[in-house]
């Protein structure tokens, strides 16, 4: 969840701790549409 976007210096950012597969956001969007009842 993003409340407010802002710039941050690179040295303040830690290492990557996870990764999402390229097709995961599409799957989440489809499931959300079905759950909300707006899927075709």
Protein backbone atom coordinates (compact mmCIF):
# COMPACT_ATOMS: atom_id res chain seq x y z
CA UNK A 1 0.00 0.00 0.00
CA UNK A 2 1.33 3.41 -0.91
CA UNK A 3 0.17 6.39 1.09
CA UNK A 4 2.56 8.99 -0.25
CA UNK A 5 5.24 8.80 -2.89
CA UNK A 6 8.53 10.52 -2.28
CA UNK A 7 12.12 10.44 -3.42
CA UNK A 8 14.73 8.63 -1.33
CA UNK A 9 18.50 8.61 -1.69
CA UNK A 10 19.84 5.31 -3.02
CA UNK A 11 22.10 4.79 -0.01
CA UNK A 12 19.01 4.73 2.25
CA UNK A 13 17.46 1.80 0.34
CA UNK A 14 18.24 -1.73 1.52
CA UNK A 15 18.74 -4.87 -0.57
CA UNK A 16 15.92 -6.48 -2.56
CA UNK A 17 14.06 -8.97 -0.38
CA UNK A 18 11.53 -10.42 -2.81
CA UNK A 19 10.56 -10.75 -6.42
CA UNK A 20 7.23 -11.01 -8.26
CA UNK A 21 6.88 -13.13 -11.37
CA UNK A 22 5.87 -11.13 -14.47
CA UNK A 23 2.42 -12.74 -14.72
CA UNK A 24 1.50 -12.36 -11.01
CA UNK A 25 0.08 -8.79 -11.23
CA UNK A 26 -2.23 -9.88 -14.07
CA UNK A 27 -3.45 -12.86 -12.06
CA UNK A 28 -4.09 -10.69 -9.00
CA UNK A 29 -6.03 -8.18 -11.13
CA UNK A 30 -8.19 -10.95 -12.61
CA UNK A 31 -8.93 -12.46 -9.19
CA UNK A 32 -9.83 -9.04 -7.82
CA UNK A 33 -12.22 -8.44 -10.74
CA UNK A 34 -13.93 -11.78 -10.08
CA UNK A 35 -14.17 -11.06 -6.35
CA UNK A 36 -15.69 -7.63 -6.99
CA UNK A 37 -18.08 -9.05 -9.57
CA UNK A 38 -16.87 -6.93 -12.46
CA UNK A 39 -15.28 -9.72 -14.49
CA UNK A 40 -16.65 -10.60 -17.89
